[in-house]
Amino acid sequence: VLRQAPGDSARWFVAEKSGFIRVFANNASSSSTETFLDISGIVNASGEGGLLGFAFHPDFPLTPEVYVSYTRSGAPLVSYVSRFYSADDGQ
């Protein structure tokens, strides 16, 4: 999943099956990423599992919440949706 936060055309966010959401600058010369969210310790990324998708709160970053769909480690293959908060208020 690749998306931009509401009102933020300067950055892209990409989900990785392993449980990371990475962020990078929206320019052709961008060659590095930063970790925006790391839930790799609770994600079961085997088979069809993993971090399946994410969405920003419509008022992000004023409401710095991100909703994430994923499969959990140690559980049957069931999708969970959890809300996470950006510690830096979406910056």
Protein backbone atom coordinates (compact mmCIF):
# COMPACT_ATOMS: atom_id res chain seq x y z
CA VAL A 1 0.00 0.00 0.00
CA LEU A 2 1.37 3.39 -1.01
CA ARG A 3 -0.38 6.59 0.06
CA GLN A 4 -0.01 10.18 1.14
CA ALA A 5 -1.37 11.66 4.36
CA PRO A 6 -4.29 14.10 3.97
CA GLY A 7 -2.97 17.50 2.90
CA ASP A 8 0.65 16.30 2.72
CA SER A 9 1.93 16.03 -0.84
CA ALA A 10 5.57 16.27 0.29
CA ARG A 11 5.82 12.66 1.54
CA TRP A 12 4.80 9.13 0.62
CA PHE A 13 4.09 6.32 3.07
CA VAL A 14 4.49 2.68 2.07
CA ALA A 15 3.43 -0.44 3.98
CA GLU A 16 5.69 -3.47 4.12
CA LYS A 17 4.26 -6.93 4.71
CA SER A 18 6.77 -7.48 7.53
CA GLY A 19 5.10 -4.82 9.70
CA PHE A 20 6.76 -1.54 8.83
CA ILE A 21 5.33 1.68 7.40
CA ARG A 22 8.15 3.67 5.80
CA VAL A 23 8.06 7.32 4.75
CA PHE A 24 10.07 9.05 2.05
CA ALA A 25 10.20 12.44 0.36
CA ASN A 26 8.10 13.03 -2.75
CA ASN A 27 10.91 13.87 -5.13
CA ALA A 28 12.81 12.00 -7.82
CA SER A 29 16.14 12.23 -6.00
CA SER A 30 14.86 10.69 -2.76
CA SER A 31 16.87 7.57 -1.99
CA SER A 32 16.25 6.97 1.71
CA THR A 33 13.32 6.13 3.95
CA GLU A 34 12.51 6.58 7.62
CA THR A 35 10.44 4.25 9.76
CA PHE A 36 7.05 5.79 10.53
CA LEU A 37 5.61 2.72 12.30
CA ASP A 38 7.15 -0.58 13.36
CA ILE A 39 4.77 -3.34 14.47
CA SER A 40 6.96 -6.14 13.13
CA GLY A 41 7.09 -7.68 16.59
CA ILE A 42 3.35 -8.40 16.61
CA VAL A 43 2.75 -9.16 12.91
CA ASN A 44 2.50 -12.65 11.44
CA ALA A 45 3.90 -12.07 7.94
CA SER A 46 3.78 -15.69 6.74
CA GLY A 47 1.69 -16.76 3.77
CA GLU A 48 -1.19 -14.36 3.15
CA GLY A 49 -0.57 -12.55 6.45
CA GLY A 50 1.31 -9.43 7.40
CA LEU A 51 0.62 -5.72 7.47
CA LEU A 52 -2.31 -5.62 5.05
CA GLY A 53 -3.13 -1.93 4.82
CA PHE A 54 -3.39 1.38 6.62
CA ALA A 55 -5.35 4.62 6.59
CA PHE A 56 -4.80 8.03 8.10
CA HIS A 57 -7.44 9.78 10.19
CA PRO A 58 -9.17 12.29 7.85
CA ASP A 59 -7.89 15.17 10.02
CA PHE A 60 -4.30 13.90 10.13
CA PRO A 61 -2.00 15.44 11.40
CA LEU A 62 -4.35 17.47 13.64
CA THR A 63 -5.66 14.10 14.82
CA PRO A 64 -2.43 12.06 14.57
CA GLU A 65 -4.04 8.62 14.28
CA VAL A 66 -3.25 5.83 11.83
CA TYR A 67 -5.46 2.75 11.43
CA VAL A 68 -3.65 -0.45 10.50
CA SER A 69 -4.96 -3.82 9.30
CA TYR A 70 -2.69 -6.79 10.00
CA THR A 71 -2.49 -10.42 11.08
CA ARG A 72 -1.05 -11.08 14.53
CA SER A 73 1.72 -13.42 15.60
CA GLY A 74 0.65 -16.46 17.59
CA ALA A 75 -2.96 -16.24 16.47
CA PRO A 76 -5.04 -17.92 13.79
CA LEU A 77 -4.98 -16.13 10.45
CA VAL A 78 -7.41 -13.40 11.47
CA SER A 79 -7.22 -9.75 10.45
CA TYR A 80 -7.02 -7.14 13.19
CA VAL A 81 -7.52 -3.40 12.90
CA SER A 82 -5.71 -1.23 15.44
CA ARG A 83 -5.33 2.49 15.96
CA PHE A 84 -1.87 3.91 16.49
CA TYR A 85 -0.89 7.46 17.43
CA SER A 86 1.94 9.42 15.88
CA ALA A 87 4.26 10.41 18.73
CA ASP A 88 5.46 13.46 16.78
CA ASP A 89 1.93 14.62 15.86
CA GLY A 90 2.30 13.43 12.28
CA GLN A 91 5.45 15.35 11.51
